[in-house]
N, C-alpha and C. Protein backbone atom coordinates (compact mmCIF):
# COMPACT_ATOMS: atom_id res chain seq x y z
N MET A 1 -30.77 -20.16 50.72
CA MET A 1 -30.30 -21.10 49.62
C MET A 1 -29.01 -21.09 49.56
N PRO A 2 -28.53 -22.17 48.84
CA PRO A 2 -27.19 -22.46 48.55
C PRO A 2 -26.73 -21.94 47.51
N PRO A 3 -25.48 -21.56 47.33
CA PRO A 3 -24.84 -20.69 45.91
C PRO A 3 -25.16 -22.07 44.74
N LYS A 4 -25.42 -21.84 43.27
CA LYS A 4 -25.82 -22.66 42.49
C LYS A 4 -24.17 -23.14 42.59
N ALA A 5 -24.19 -24.18 41.55
CA ALA A 5 -23.17 -25.27 41.53
C ALA A 5 -22.81 -25.08 40.40
N ILE A 6 -21.44 -24.67 40.05
CA ILE A 6 -20.54 -24.79 38.83
C ILE A 6 -20.46 -25.96 37.93
N PHE A 7 -20.74 -25.85 36.94
CA PHE A 7 -20.84 -27.60 36.33
C PHE A 7 -19.02 -27.54 35.66
N VAL A 8 -18.33 -28.12 35.95
CA VAL A 8 -17.19 -28.93 35.57
C VAL A 8 -16.84 -29.92 34.99
N PRO A 9 -16.80 -29.96 33.34
CA PRO A 9 -16.64 -31.25 32.68
C PRO A 9 -15.32 -31.98 33.10
N ASN A 10 -15.34 -33.53 33.35
CA ASN A 10 -14.34 -33.92 33.03
C ASN A 10 -13.60 -34.04 32.36
N GLU A 11 -11.99 -33.99 32.43
CA GLU A 11 -10.77 -33.62 31.39
C GLU A 11 -10.99 -34.84 30.79
N ASP A 12 -10.97 -34.55 29.04
CA ASP A 12 -10.48 -35.92 28.27
C ASP A 12 -9.19 -35.64 27.51
N GLY A 13 -8.85 -36.81 27.42
CA GLY A 13 -7.26 -36.69 26.83
C GLY A 13 -6.16 -36.89 27.56
N VAL A 14 -5.34 -36.88 27.15
CA VAL A 14 -3.79 -36.79 27.78
C VAL A 14 -3.15 -35.63 27.77
N ASP A 15 -2.65 -34.89 28.84
CA ASP A 15 -1.83 -33.71 28.62
C ASP A 15 -0.26 -34.18 28.30
N LYS A 16 0.34 -33.39 27.43
CA LYS A 16 1.80 -33.59 27.15
C LYS A 16 2.48 -32.53 27.07
N GLN A 17 3.91 -32.27 27.13
CA GLN A 17 4.25 -31.17 27.13
C GLN A 17 5.84 -31.99 26.19
N ILE A 18 6.47 -30.85 25.57
CA ILE A 18 7.77 -30.90 25.45
C ILE A 18 8.88 -29.98 26.04
N THR A 19 10.06 -29.64 25.50
CA THR A 19 11.16 -29.30 25.89
C THR A 19 12.07 -29.09 24.70
N SER A 20 12.27 -27.68 24.84
CA SER A 20 13.08 -27.52 23.63
C SER A 20 13.95 -26.18 24.04
N GLU A 21 14.89 -26.16 23.17
CA GLU A 21 15.75 -25.26 23.43
C GLU A 21 15.85 -24.00 23.36
N LYS A 22 16.31 -23.05 23.62
CA LYS A 22 15.90 -21.71 23.13
C LYS A 22 16.21 -21.26 22.08
N THR A 23 17.42 -21.93 21.37
CA THR A 23 17.99 -21.82 20.21
C THR A 23 17.16 -22.29 18.77
N ASP A 24 16.04 -23.51 19.24
CA ASP A 24 15.06 -24.19 18.85
C ASP A 24 13.93 -23.16 18.24
N ALA A 25 13.81 -22.46 19.00
CA ALA A 25 12.50 -21.64 18.87
C ALA A 25 12.77 -20.57 17.99
N TYR A 26 11.36 -19.93 17.23
CA TYR A 26 11.03 -19.43 16.17
C TYR A 26 11.90 -17.59 16.51
N ASP A 27 12.78 -17.78 15.43
CA ASP A 27 13.30 -16.03 15.73
C ASP A 27 11.96 -15.32 14.65
N PHE A 28 11.49 -14.61 15.32
CA PHE A 28 10.22 -13.48 14.57
C PHE A 28 11.45 -12.83 14.16
N TYR A 29 12.15 -12.04 14.57
CA TYR A 29 12.77 -10.85 13.72
C TYR A 29 13.80 -11.64 12.30
N LEU A 30 14.48 -12.34 12.40
CA LEU A 30 15.32 -13.13 11.23
C LEU A 30 14.17 -13.54 10.20
N GLU A 31 12.87 -14.31 10.64
CA GLU A 31 12.11 -14.68 9.90
C GLU A 31 11.20 -13.64 9.28
N ALA A 32 11.08 -12.49 10.04
CA ALA A 32 9.58 -11.54 9.33
C ALA A 32 10.63 -10.23 8.66
N GLU A 33 12.01 -10.19 8.91
CA GLU A 33 12.57 -8.96 8.07
C GLU A 33 12.69 -9.02 6.55
N PRO A 34 12.64 -10.29 6.18
CA PRO A 34 12.87 -10.11 4.65
C PRO A 34 11.44 -9.96 3.99
N ILE A 35 10.23 -10.33 4.81
CA ILE A 35 8.97 -10.30 4.62
C ILE A 35 8.94 -8.57 4.24
N LEU A 36 9.12 -8.32 5.53
CA LEU A 36 8.89 -6.72 5.73
C LEU A 36 9.27 -5.95 4.84
N GLN A 37 11.16 -6.12 4.85
CA GLN A 37 11.67 -5.44 3.56
C GLN A 37 10.63 -5.48 1.87
N ALA A 38 10.16 -6.63 1.75
CA ALA A 38 9.77 -6.78 0.60
C ALA A 38 8.54 -6.09 0.80
N LEU A 39 7.72 -6.17 1.62
CA LEU A 39 6.32 -5.02 1.79
C LEU A 39 6.74 -3.31 1.65
N VAL A 40 7.57 -3.20 2.48
CA VAL A 40 7.95 -1.60 2.66
C VAL A 40 8.51 -1.24 0.97
N GLY A 41 9.57 -2.07 0.65
CA GLY A 41 10.07 -1.83 -0.49
C GLY A 41 8.97 -1.75 -2.08
N ARG A 42 7.74 -2.53 -1.56
CA ARG A 42 7.05 -2.41 -2.87
C ARG A 42 6.08 -1.15 -2.85
N ALA A 43 6.02 -1.22 -1.30
CA ALA A 43 5.17 0.21 -1.20
C ALA A 43 5.61 1.63 -1.47
N LEU A 44 7.16 1.42 -1.13
CA LEU A 44 7.62 2.79 -1.70
C LEU A 44 7.75 2.89 -3.15
N GLU A 45 8.24 1.86 -3.70
CA GLU A 45 8.20 2.08 -5.21
C GLU A 45 6.48 2.39 -6.09
N GLN A 46 5.50 1.72 -5.25
CA GLN A 46 4.35 2.23 -5.77
C GLN A 46 3.84 3.33 -5.27
N GLY A 47 4.45 4.40 -4.38
CA GLY A 47 4.29 5.64 -4.11
C GLY A 47 5.36 6.44 -5.19
N LEU A 48 6.02 6.19 -5.69
CA LEU A 48 6.95 6.80 -6.42
C LEU A 48 6.64 6.62 -8.23
N ILE A 49 5.95 5.42 -8.14
CA ILE A 49 5.08 5.37 -9.20
C ILE A 49 4.07 6.53 -9.50
N GLU A 50 3.23 6.43 -8.30
CA GLU A 50 1.93 7.15 -8.62
C GLU A 50 2.27 8.72 -8.50
N VAL A 51 3.74 9.41 -7.68
CA VAL A 51 3.98 10.48 -7.96
C VAL A 51 4.29 11.01 -9.50
N LYS A 52 5.19 9.88 -9.99
CA LYS A 52 5.49 10.36 -11.21
C LYS A 52 4.47 10.41 -12.06
N GLU A 53 3.28 9.80 -12.17
CA GLU A 53 2.03 9.46 -12.84
C GLU A 53 1.71 11.00 -12.63
N ASP A 54 1.32 11.34 -11.31
CA ASP A 54 0.67 12.71 -10.96
C ASP A 54 1.44 13.79 -11.73
N TYR A 55 2.81 13.64 -11.64
CA TYR A 55 3.75 14.86 -12.48
C TYR A 55 3.68 15.14 -13.76
N GLU A 56 3.45 13.47 -14.49
CA GLU A 56 3.24 13.44 -15.70
C GLU A 56 1.43 14.25 -16.00
N ARG A 57 0.87 13.63 -15.43
CA ARG A 57 -0.42 14.22 -15.74
C ARG A 57 -0.26 15.94 -15.70
N GLN A 58 -0.08 16.40 -14.66
CA GLN A 58 0.08 17.99 -14.62
C GLN A 58 0.78 18.27 -15.84
N MET A 59 1.71 17.85 -16.06
CA MET A 59 2.65 18.44 -17.05
C MET A 59 1.69 18.23 -18.50
N LEU A 60 0.62 17.26 -18.73
CA LEU A 60 0.15 17.16 -19.86
C LEU A 60 -1.01 18.01 -20.04
N ILE A 61 -1.64 18.31 -18.88
CA ILE A 61 -2.53 19.39 -18.81
C ILE A 61 -1.81 20.63 -19.16
N GLU A 62 -1.08 21.08 -18.47
CA GLU A 62 -0.24 22.40 -18.89
C GLU A 62 0.24 22.24 -20.38
N HIS A 63 0.60 21.63 -20.79
CA HIS A 63 0.95 21.25 -22.40
C HIS A 63 -0.27 21.56 -23.08
N ARG A 64 -1.42 20.97 -22.74
CA ARG A 64 -2.59 21.07 -23.48
C ARG A 64 -3.24 22.19 -23.51
N ARG A 65 -2.96 23.06 -22.36
CA ARG A 65 -3.57 24.31 -21.79
C ARG A 65 -2.63 25.46 -22.88
N LYS A 66 -1.18 25.34 -23.20
CA LYS A 66 -0.89 26.21 -23.94
C LYS A 66 -0.97 25.75 -24.95
N TYR A 67 -0.74 24.59 -25.75
CA TYR A 67 -1.31 24.16 -27.06
C TYR A 67 -2.68 24.93 -27.42
N LYS A 68 -3.51 24.91 -26.57
CA LYS A 68 -4.99 25.56 -26.80
C LYS A 68 -5.11 26.91 -27.11
N GLN A 69 -4.05 27.40 -26.39
CA GLN A 69 -3.93 28.92 -26.25
C GLN A 69 -3.23 29.30 -27.60
N LEU A 70 -2.19 28.80 -28.04
CA LEU A 70 -1.55 28.95 -29.12
C LEU A 70 -2.78 28.78 -30.34
N ARG A 71 -3.36 27.74 -30.39
CA ARG A 71 -3.71 27.27 -31.40
C ARG A 71 -5.15 28.57 -31.67
N GLU A 72 -5.62 28.99 -30.54
CA GLU A 72 -6.46 29.99 -30.40
C GLU A 72 -5.87 31.25 -31.19
N SER A 73 -4.91 31.64 -30.57
CA SER A 73 -4.32 32.91 -31.17
C SER A 73 -3.90 32.78 -32.77
N GLU A 74 -3.59 31.73 -33.12
CA GLU A 74 -3.37 31.45 -34.57
C GLU A 74 -4.66 31.65 -35.31
N LEU A 75 -5.73 31.01 -34.71
CA LEU A 75 -6.83 31.27 -35.22
C LEU A 75 -7.48 32.48 -35.35
N LEU A 76 -7.30 33.60 -34.52
CA LEU A 76 -7.49 34.81 -34.26
C LEU A 76 -6.72 35.79 -35.55
N GLU A 77 -5.49 34.92 -35.29
CA GLU A 77 -4.72 35.83 -36.67
C GLU A 77 -5.00 35.60 -38.03
N THR A 78 -5.16 34.68 -37.98
CA THR A 78 -5.77 34.02 -39.86
C THR A 78 -7.08 34.86 -39.97
N GLN A 79 -7.91 34.41 -38.93
CA GLN A 79 -9.00 35.00 -39.24
C GLN A 79 -8.93 36.89 -39.51
N ARG A 80 -8.11 37.67 -38.59
CA ARG A 80 -7.83 38.80 -38.98
C ARG A 80 -7.34 38.96 -40.35
N LEU A 81 -6.54 38.48 -40.71
CA LEU A 81 -5.78 38.64 -42.37
C LEU A 81 -6.89 38.45 -42.95
N GLU A 82 -7.99 37.43 -42.99
CA GLU A 82 -8.94 37.40 -43.90
C GLU A 82 -9.73 38.20 -43.79
N ALA A 83 -9.89 39.21 -42.96
CA ALA A 83 -11.04 39.80 -42.91
C ALA A 83 -10.69 41.50 -43.46
């Protein structure tokens, strides 16, 4: 048996090309650098904000713990004085 024929459609349209100078081409590094600087700067800023918030949260928890301990000791002392 002969091999199956491969269908190749007729080409439509007209092929065209352009010639450009190397200096006319898009410079990826020149164009992308400001965008990358903005993205990296924003990511670092957001990370710093999150670290500060976490530190403040830890300090608040510690302050609440100390305040509760002080309040409980004062309550015990006033109860002893009343008794």
